[in-house]
Protein backbone atom coordinates (compact mmCIF):
# COMPACT_ATOMS: atom_id res chain seq x y z
CA ARG A 1 76.04 120.66 93.59
CA ALA A 2 77.65 118.79 90.77
CA LEU A 3 78.90 116.05 93.10
CA ASP A 4 76.92 114.34 95.80
CA GLY A 5 80.00 114.31 98.08
CA ALA A 6 80.78 118.03 97.59
CA LEU A 7 80.28 120.58 100.34
CA ALA A 8 76.73 121.94 100.35
CA SER A 9 76.38 125.64 99.57
CA ILE A 10 74.75 126.34 102.95
CA ASP A 11 77.77 124.77 104.69
CA ALA A 12 80.18 126.97 102.77
CA LEU A 13 78.11 130.14 103.28
CA PRO A 14 79.59 131.36 106.64
CA GLU A 15 83.09 131.12 105.26
CA VAL A 16 82.14 133.03 102.11
CA VAL A 17 80.42 135.76 104.18
CA GLN A 18 83.51 136.08 106.35
CA ALA A 19 85.81 136.21 103.31
CA VAL A 20 83.99 139.06 101.60
CA GLY A 21 83.71 141.00 104.87
CA GLY A 22 80.63 143.00 103.79
CA ARG A 23 82.32 144.34 100.66
CA VAL A 24 79.83 142.69 98.33
CA PRO A 25 76.34 141.16 98.73
CA VAL A 26 76.31 137.37 99.21
CA LEU A 27 73.48 135.55 97.41
CA ILE A 28 72.67 131.86 97.76
CA ASP A 29 70.54 129.86 95.38
CA SER A 30 71.06 126.23 96.09
CA GLY A 31 68.99 123.66 97.96
CA VAL A 32 66.28 126.13 99.03
CA ARG A 33 63.01 124.27 99.29
CA ARG A 34 61.34 125.60 102.48
CA GLY A 35 60.98 128.76 104.48
CA THR A 36 63.33 127.31 107.10
CA ASP A 37 66.02 127.07 104.40
CA ILE A 38 65.54 130.78 103.72
CA PHE A 39 65.77 131.57 107.43
CA LYS A 40 68.99 129.51 107.83
CA ALA A 41 70.62 131.18 104.84
CA LEU A 42 69.79 134.64 106.12
CA ALA A 43 70.99 133.69 109.62
CA LEU A 44 74.27 132.50 108.23
CA GLY A 45 74.87 135.84 106.46
CA ALA A 46 73.27 135.67 103.03
CA THR A 47 72.11 139.03 101.74
CA ALA A 48 69.46 137.40 99.58
CA VAL A 49 68.16 133.92 98.91
CA GLY A 50 67.23 132.63 95.47
CA ILE A 51 64.31 130.24 95.11
CA GLY A 52 64.72 128.96 91.55
CA LYS A 53 63.60 125.36 91.60
CA PRO A 54 60.44 125.78 93.65
CA VAL A 55 59.35 128.61 91.33
CA PHE A 56 60.21 126.75 88.15
CA PHE A 57 58.51 123.54 89.28
CA SER A 58 55.36 125.39 90.34
CA LEU A 59 55.32 127.30 87.03
CA ALA A 60 55.57 124.04 85.10
CA VAL A 61 52.76 122.41 87.04
CA SER A 62 50.31 125.23 87.67
CA GLY A 63 51.48 128.27 85.73
CA GLU A 64 51.24 131.75 87.21
CA GLU A 65 48.90 130.67 89.99
CA GLY A 66 51.37 127.90 90.96
CA VAL A 67 54.13 130.51 91.31
CA ARG A 68 51.91 132.72 93.43
CA ASN A 69 51.07 129.75 95.63
CA VAL A 70 54.67 128.66 96.16
CA LEU A 71 55.68 132.25 97.01
CA ARG A 72 52.84 132.42 99.58
CA ILE A 73 53.93 129.09 101.05
CA LEU A 74 57.58 130.17 101.34
CA GLN A 75 56.56 133.52 102.86
CA ARG A 76 54.36 131.82 105.46
CA GLU A 77 57.00 129.22 106.32
CA THR A 78 59.69 131.93 106.66
CA GLU A 79 57.41 134.12 108.80
CA ALA A 80 56.48 131.11 111.02
CA CYS A 81 60.13 130.27 111.51
CA MET A 82 60.90 133.92 112.34
CA ALA A 83 58.06 134.01 114.87
CA ILE A 84 59.16 130.81 116.56
CA CYS A 85 62.71 132.26 116.85
CA GLY A 86 61.46 135.60 118.16
CA CYS A 87 62.34 137.63 115.04
CA ALA A 88 59.98 140.49 114.21
CA THR A 89 62.01 141.56 111.15
CA VAL A 90 64.57 140.03 108.85
CA ALA A 91 67.14 142.25 110.54
CA ASP A 92 66.49 140.30 113.78
CA ILE A 93 67.72 137.04 112.18
CA THR A 94 71.24 136.40 113.52
CA PRO A 95 73.76 133.57 113.32
CA ASN A 96 73.18 132.56 116.96
CA LEU A 97 69.70 131.30 115.95
CA VAL A 98 71.06 128.38 113.96
CA THR A 99 73.47 125.61 114.95
CA ARG A 100 74.73 122.27 113.72
CA HIS A 101 74.39 119.05 115.57
CA PRO A 102 77.45 118.47 117.80
CA SER A 103 78.45 115.49 115.66
CA GLY A 104 78.67 117.81 112.66
CA ALA A 105 76.03 115.73 110.92
CA ALA A 106 72.80 117.22 109.65
CA VAL A 107 70.84 114.29 111.07
CA ALA A 108 71.77 112.42 114.19
CA ARG A 109 71.18 108.72 114.66
CA PHE A 110 67.98 108.01 116.65
CA VAL A 111 68.58 106.07 119.90
CA ARG A 112 65.50 104.75 121.66
CA SER A 113 65.54 105.24 125.42
CA LYS A 114 65.12 102.16 127.65
CA LEU A 115 62.06 102.26 129.85
């Protein structure tokens, strides 16, 4: 994002997927840092998910082995998320597996219960 107040790519993804109606693949490569980000993007309709920054950062720090390591980490995180959600294959990942907080915010305010 060029602006901190702009709509995040993941938030725009469902509308883009709906607009293209399966006529072209939809790729997203923005804000992906974890396997759960990959899962969410696939669930929201992305055909593929780019992982540029994690790869470039790991390459800069640890070279080829760093890239291998970050790919292993992302694979394990994605597979763990899939298992928790009951998905045996990528084809099992569907939009009903992700939701936004009812407030529309990504993070809700924590309210301590009174005991």
